[in-house]
């Protein structure tokens, strides 16, 4: 559950592929359905 808390709070710097796989299996979705790319420039503003 700690992984989900970190992801939910937006504090994750990275995600293990095994965690992403588990989330996608549980939600029956694809990675692009739950991930959004943000460049470093977007996060420094």
PDB file of N, CA and C in Angstrom:
ATOM      1  N   UNK A   1       0.819  -1.201   0.000  1.00  0.00           N
ATOM      2  CA  UNK A   1       0.000   0.000   0.000  1.00  0.00           C
ATOM      3  C   UNK A   1       0.859   1.259   0.000  1.00  0.00           C
ATOM      4  N   UNK A   2       2.080   1.187   0.464  1.00  0.00           N
ATOM      5  CA  UNK A   2       2.952   2.358   0.495  1.00  0.00           C
ATOM      6  C   UNK A   2       3.184   2.902  -0.906  1.00  0.00           C
ATOM      7  N   UNK A   3       3.343   2.012  -1.883  1.00  0.00           N
ATOM      8  CA  UNK A   3       3.541   2.462  -3.260  1.00  0.00           C
ATOM      9  C   UNK A   3       2.382   3.314  -3.736  1.00  0.00           C
ATOM     10  N   UNK A   4       1.162   2.884  -3.472  1.00  0.00           N
ATOM     11  CA  UNK A   4      -0.013   3.631  -3.914  1.00  0.00           C
ATOM     12  C   UNK A   4      -0.104   4.979  -3.220  1.00  0.00           C
ATOM     13  N   UNK A   5       0.253   5.045  -1.955  1.00  0.00           N
ATOM     14  CA  UNK A   5       0.222   6.305  -1.218  1.00  0.00           C
ATOM     15  C   UNK A   5       1.194   7.313  -1.821  1.00  0.00           C
ATOM     16  N   UNK A   6       2.395   6.867  -2.125  1.00  0.00           N
ATOM     17  CA  UNK A   6       3.404   7.736  -2.730  1.00  0.00           C
ATOM     18  C   UNK A   6       2.943   8.214  -4.101  1.00  0.00           C
ATOM     19  N   UNK A   7       2.376   7.320  -4.891  1.00  0.00           N
ATOM     20  CA  UNK A   7       1.885   7.694  -6.214  1.00  0.00           C
ATOM     21  C   UNK A   7       0.723   8.673  -6.109  1.00  0.00           C
ATOM     22  N   UNK A   8      -0.192   8.411  -5.202  1.00  0.00           N
ATOM     23  CA  UNK A   8      -1.377   9.259  -5.038  1.00  0.00           C
ATOM     24  C   UNK A   8      -0.993  10.670  -4.617  1.00  0.00           C
ATOM     25  N   UNK A   9       0.013  10.793  -3.764  1.00  0.00           N
ATOM     26  CA  UNK A   9       0.442  12.100  -3.272  1.00  0.00           C
ATOM     27  C   UNK A   9       1.351  12.835  -4.246  1.00  0.00           C
ATOM     28  N   UNK A  10       1.685  12.195  -5.360  1.00  0.00           N
ATOM     29  CA  UNK A  10       2.524  12.838  -6.372  1.00  0.00           C
ATOM     30  C   UNK A  10       3.976  12.973  -5.962  1.00  0.00           C
ATOM     31  N   UNK A  11       4.431  12.165  -5.020  1.00  0.00           N
ATOM     32  CA  UNK A  11       5.805  12.257  -4.527  1.00  0.00           C
ATOM     33  C   UNK A  11       6.741  11.237  -5.162  1.00  0.00           C
ATOM     34  N   UNK A  12       6.229  10.419  -6.046  1.00  0.00           N
ATOM     35  CA  UNK A  12       7.049   9.375  -6.662  1.00  0.00           C
ATOM     36  C   UNK A  12       7.970   9.984  -7.714  1.00  0.00           C
ATOM     37  N   UNK A  13       9.223   9.617  -7.666  1.00  0.00           N
ATOM     38  CA  UNK A  13      10.192  10.035  -8.679  1.00  0.00           C
ATOM     39  C   UNK A  13      10.330   8.979  -9.760  1.00  0.00           C
ATOM     40  N   UNK A  14       9.964   7.753  -9.423  1.00  0.00           N
ATOM     41  CA  UNK A  14      10.056   6.627 -10.356  1.00  0.00           C
ATOM     42  C   UNK A  14       9.049   5.577  -9.910  1.00  0.00           C
ATOM     43  N   UNK A  15       8.804   4.631 -10.802  1.00  0.00           N
ATOM     44  CA  UNK A  15       7.899   3.536 -10.472  1.00  0.00           C
ATOM     45  C   UNK A  15       8.485   2.251 -11.045  1.00  0.00           C
ATOM     46  N   UNK A  16       8.483   1.217 -10.259  1.00  0.00           N
ATOM     47  CA  UNK A  16       8.970  -0.077 -10.742  1.00  0.00           C
ATOM     48  C   UNK A  16       7.980  -0.628 -11.754  1.00  0.00           C
ATOM     49  N   UNK A  17       8.507  -1.303 -12.740  1.00  0.00           N
ATOM     50  CA  UNK A  17       7.634  -1.901 -13.746  1.00  0.00           C
ATOM     51  C   UNK A  17       6.715  -2.942 -13.128  1.00  0.00           C
ATOM     52  N   UNK A  18       7.182  -3.644 -12.112  1.00  0.00           N
ATOM     53  CA  UNK A  18       6.328  -4.636 -11.452  1.00  0.00           C
ATOM     54  C   UNK A  18       5.152  -3.960 -10.744  1.00  0.00           C
ATOM     55  N   UNK A  19       5.376  -2.770 -10.199  1.00  0.00           N
ATOM     56  CA  UNK A  19       4.291  -2.017  -9.566  1.00  0.00           C
ATOM     57  C   UNK A  19       3.302  -1.535 -10.610  1.00  0.00           C
ATOM     58  N   UNK A  20       3.815  -1.009 -11.712  1.00  0.00           N
ATOM     59  CA  UNK A  20       2.957  -0.555 -12.803  1.00  0.00           C
ATOM     60  C   UNK A  20       2.143  -1.712 -13.363  1.00  0.00           C
ATOM     61  N   UNK A  21       2.775  -2.859 -13.498  1.00  0.00           N
ATOM     62  CA  UNK A  21       2.071  -4.042 -13.989  1.00  0.00           C
ATOM     63  C   UNK A  21       0.935  -4.430 -13.039  1.00  0.00           C
ATOM     64  N   UNK A  22       1.201  -4.410 -11.743  1.00  0.00           N
ATOM     65  CA  UNK A  22       0.178  -4.776 -10.761  1.00  0.00           C
ATOM     66  C   UNK A  22      -0.995  -3.798 -10.795  1.00  0.00           C
ATOM     67  N   UNK A  23      -0.702  -2.519 -10.931  1.00  0.00           N
ATOM     68  CA  UNK A  23      -1.762  -1.509 -11.014  1.00  0.00           C
ATOM     69  C   UNK A  23      -2.608  -1.737 -12.260  1.00  0.00           C
ATOM     70  N   UNK A  24      -1.945  -1.958 -13.391  1.00  0.00           N
ATOM     71  CA  UNK A  24      -2.666  -2.166 -14.649  1.00  0.00           C
ATOM     72  C   UNK A  24      -3.508  -3.442 -14.614  1.00  0.00           C
ATOM     73  N   UNK A  25      -2.989  -4.485 -13.996  1.00  0.00           N
ATOM     74  CA  UNK A  25      -3.777  -5.718 -13.871  1.00  0.00           C
ATOM     75  C   UNK A  25      -5.004  -5.487 -13.007  1.00  0.00           C
ATOM     76  N   UNK A  26      -4.827  -4.797 -11.883  1.00  0.00           N
ATOM     77  CA  UNK A  26      -5.943  -4.557 -10.967  1.00  0.00           C
ATOM     78  C   UNK A  26      -7.015  -3.676 -11.595  1.00  0.00           C
ATOM     79  N   UNK A  27      -6.583  -2.698 -12.382  1.00  0.00           N
ATOM     80  CA  UNK A  27      -7.530  -1.759 -12.991  1.00  0.00           C
ATOM     81  C   UNK A  27      -7.951  -2.160 -14.400  1.00  0.00           C
ATOM     82  N   UNK A  28      -7.342  -3.252 -14.897  1.00  0.00           N
ATOM     83  CA  UNK A  28      -7.610  -3.717 -16.261  1.00  0.00           C
ATOM     84  C   UNK A  28      -7.444  -2.571 -17.264  1.00  0.00           C
ATOM     85  N   UNK A  29      -6.244  -1.973 -17.239  1.00  0.00           N
ATOM     86  CA  UNK A  29      -5.965  -0.843 -18.119  1.00  0.00           C
ATOM     87  C   UNK A  29      -4.553  -0.956 -18.681  1.00  0.00           C
ATOM     88  N   UNK A  30      -4.159   0.014 -19.457  1.00  0.00           N
ATOM     89  CA  UNK A  30      -2.825   0.101 -20.033  1.00  0.00           C
ATOM     90  C   UNK A  30      -2.045   1.198 -19.303  1.00  0.00           C
ATOM     91  N   UNK A  31      -0.701   1.141 -19.322  1.00  0.00           N
ATOM     92  CA  UNK A  31       0.091   2.154 -18.624  1.00  0.00           C
ATOM     93  C   UNK A  31      -0.265   3.593 -19.014  1.00  0.00           C
ATOM     94  N   UNK A  32      -0.537   3.821 -20.276  1.00  0.00           N
ATOM     95  CA  UNK A  32      -0.891   5.167 -20.723  1.00  0.00           C
ATOM     96  C   UNK A  32      -2.190   5.684 -20.137  1.00  0.00           C
ATOM     97  N   UNK A  33      -3.003   4.790 -19.613  1.00  0.00           N
ATOM     98  CA  UNK A  33      -4.258   5.202 -18.984  1.00  0.00           C
ATOM     99  C   UNK A  33      -4.034   5.796 -17.595  1.00  0.00           C
ATOM    100  N   UNK A  34      -2.903   5.478 -16.978  1.00  0.00           N
ATOM    101  CA  UNK A  34      -2.653   5.937 -15.609  1.00  0.00           C
ATOM    102  C   UNK A  34      -1.419   6.824 -15.478  1.00  0.00           C
ATOM    103  N   UNK A  35      -0.628   6.956 -16.547  1.00  0.00           N
ATOM    104  CA  UNK A  35       0.585   7.773 -16.508  1.00  0.00           C
ATOM    105  C   UNK A  35       0.457   8.972 -17.430  1.00  0.00           C
ATOM    106  N   UNK A  36       1.099  10.066 -17.027  1.00  0.00           N
ATOM    107  CA  UNK A  36       1.161  11.263 -17.849  1.00  0.00           C
ATOM    108  C   UNK A  36       2.587  11.785 -17.793  1.00  0.00           C
ATOM    109  N   UNK A  37       3.167  12.087 -18.946  1.00  0.00           N
ATOM    110  CA  UNK A  37       4.530  12.607 -19.000  1.00  0.00           C
ATOM    111  C   UNK A  37       4.533  14.089 -18.658  1.00  0.00           C
ATOM    112  N   UNK A  38       5.450  14.498 -17.777  1.00  0.00           N
ATOM    113  CA  UNK A  38       5.687  15.905 -17.487  1.00  0.00           C
ATOM    114  C   UNK A  38       7.184  16.134 -17.559  1.00  0.00           C
ATOM    115  N   UNK A  39       7.594  17.115 -18.340  1.00  0.00           N
ATOM    116  CA  UNK A  39       9.020  17.407 -18.455  1.00  0.00           C
ATOM    117  C   UNK A  39       9.518  18.049 -17.164  1.00  0.00           C
ATOM    118  N   UNK A  40      10.825  18.059 -16.988  1.00  0.00           N
ATOM    119  CA  UNK A  40      11.415  18.689 -15.809  1.00  0.00           C
ATOM    120  C   UNK A  40      11.060  20.166 -15.749  1.00  0.00           C
ATOM    121  N   UNK A  41      10.940  20.810 -16.895  1.00  0.00           N
ATOM    122  CA  UNK A  41      10.583  22.225 -16.936  1.00  0.00           C
ATOM    123  C   UNK A  41       9.206  22.455 -16.329  1.00  0.00           C
ATOM    124  N   UNK A  42       8.271  21.535 -16.560  1.00  0.00           N
ATOM    125  CA  UNK A  42       6.918  21.666 -16.025  1.00  0.00           C
ATOM    126  C   UNK A  42       6.902  21.559 -14.504  1.00  0.00           C
ATOM    127  N   UNK A  43       7.769  20.751 -13.940  1.00  0.00           N
ATOM    128  CA  UNK A  43       7.746  20.516 -12.496  1.00  0.00           C
ATOM    129  C   UNK A  43       8.527  21.575 -11.723  1.00  0.00           C
ATOM    130  N   UNK A  44       9.357  22.369 -12.382  1.00  0.00           N
ATOM    131  CA  UNK A  44      10.163  23.371 -11.694  1.00  0.00           C
ATOM    132  C   UNK A  44       9.458  24.711 -11.573  1.00  0.00           C
ATOM    133  N   UNK A  45       8.337  24.899 -12.205  1.00  0.00           N
ATOM    134  CA  UNK A  45       7.630  26.185 -12.169  1.00  0.00           C
ATOM    135  C   UNK A  45       6.948  26.407 -10.851  1.00  0.00           C
TER     136      UNK A  45
END
